[in-house]
């Protein structure tokens, strides 16, 4: 899952080397924490959160195939 988020986010940000992604397993499923440069945060979130919601949708589809749950948190 981390690789999917990394590929998508690094494709849309201006500074791909400042992308930091961590994964945490918990009882509620997988938590993916995403950190980007402050000037790239708007690109990742998108207008009215559309880009972030699209990334979350793709993650949910992949998680459903793996029979788990996933959450994306943008820091």
Protein backbone atom coordinates (compact mmCIF):
# COMPACT_ATOMS: atom_id res chain seq x y z
CA UNK A 1 0.00 0.00 0.00
CA UNK A 2 2.86 2.33 0.83
CA UNK A 3 4.28 1.90 -2.67
CA UNK A 4 0.96 2.89 -4.27
CA UNK A 5 0.71 6.10 -2.24
CA UNK A 6 4.36 6.89 -2.87
CA UNK A 7 3.98 6.48 -6.64
CA UNK A 8 0.86 8.65 -6.83
CA UNK A 9 2.09 11.42 -4.54
CA UNK A 10 5.58 11.67 -6.04
CA UNK A 11 3.95 12.04 -9.46
CA UNK A 12 1.95 15.14 -8.48
CA UNK A 13 4.24 17.08 -6.11
CA UNK A 14 6.92 19.58 -7.09
CA UNK A 15 9.45 18.23 -4.57
CA UNK A 16 9.24 14.41 -4.64
CA UNK A 17 12.34 13.95 -2.45
CA UNK A 18 10.52 15.58 0.50
CA UNK A 19 7.75 12.95 0.49
CA UNK A 20 7.81 10.83 3.65
CA UNK A 21 5.43 7.91 4.13
CA UNK A 22 5.15 5.71 7.21
CA UNK A 23 2.92 2.70 7.86
CA UNK A 24 1.53 1.66 11.24
CA UNK A 25 -0.43 -1.50 11.94
CA UNK A 26 -3.18 -1.25 14.54
CA UNK A 27 -6.28 -3.15 15.57
CA UNK A 28 -8.34 -0.95 13.21
CA UNK A 29 -6.16 -1.83 10.20
CA UNK A 30 -3.30 -0.10 8.47
CA UNK A 31 -2.62 3.61 9.03
CA UNK A 32 -0.56 5.39 6.37
CA UNK A 33 0.90 8.75 7.39
CA UNK A 34 1.92 11.06 4.56
CA UNK A 35 4.20 14.07 4.93
CA UNK A 36 5.01 16.44 2.06
CA UNK A 37 6.63 19.84 1.71
CA UNK A 38 4.33 22.66 2.90
CA UNK A 39 4.01 24.14 -0.60
CA UNK A 40 2.97 20.72 -1.99
CA UNK A 41 0.24 20.10 0.57
CA UNK A 42 -2.37 21.85 -1.58
CA UNK A 43 -1.52 19.67 -4.57
CA UNK A 44 -1.94 16.49 -2.54
CA UNK A 45 -5.23 17.58 -0.96
CA UNK A 46 -6.64 19.17 -4.12
CA UNK A 47 -9.66 21.41 -4.50
CA UNK A 48 -12.21 20.56 -1.84
CA UNK A 49 -10.14 17.46 -1.01
CA UNK A 50 -10.81 15.70 -4.29
CA UNK A 51 -7.25 14.43 -4.88
CA UNK A 52 -6.92 13.16 -1.31
CA UNK A 53 -10.30 11.45 -1.55
CA UNK A 54 -9.32 9.80 -4.85
CA UNK A 55 -6.12 8.44 -3.26
CA UNK A 56 -8.16 7.15 -0.31
CA UNK A 57 -10.60 5.45 -2.70
CA UNK A 58 -7.78 3.65 -4.50
CA UNK A 59 -6.36 2.54 -1.15
CA UNK A 60 -9.75 1.21 -0.04
CA UNK A 61 -10.04 -0.86 -3.23
CA UNK A 62 -6.58 -2.34 -2.74
CA UNK A 63 -7.30 -2.98 0.95
CA UNK A 64 -10.59 -4.71 0.13
CA UNK A 65 -8.72 -7.11 -2.14
CA UNK A 66 -6.27 -7.83 0.68
CA UNK A 67 -9.18 -8.20 3.14
CA UNK A 68 -8.00 -5.43 5.46
CA UNK A 69 -8.76 -1.81 6.29
CA UNK A 70 -6.63 1.22 5.54
CA UNK A 71 -6.63 4.90 6.49
CA UNK A 72 -4.61 7.75 4.99
CA UNK A 73 -3.57 10.64 7.18
CA UNK A 74 -1.97 13.72 5.60
CA UNK A 75 0.24 15.52 8.11
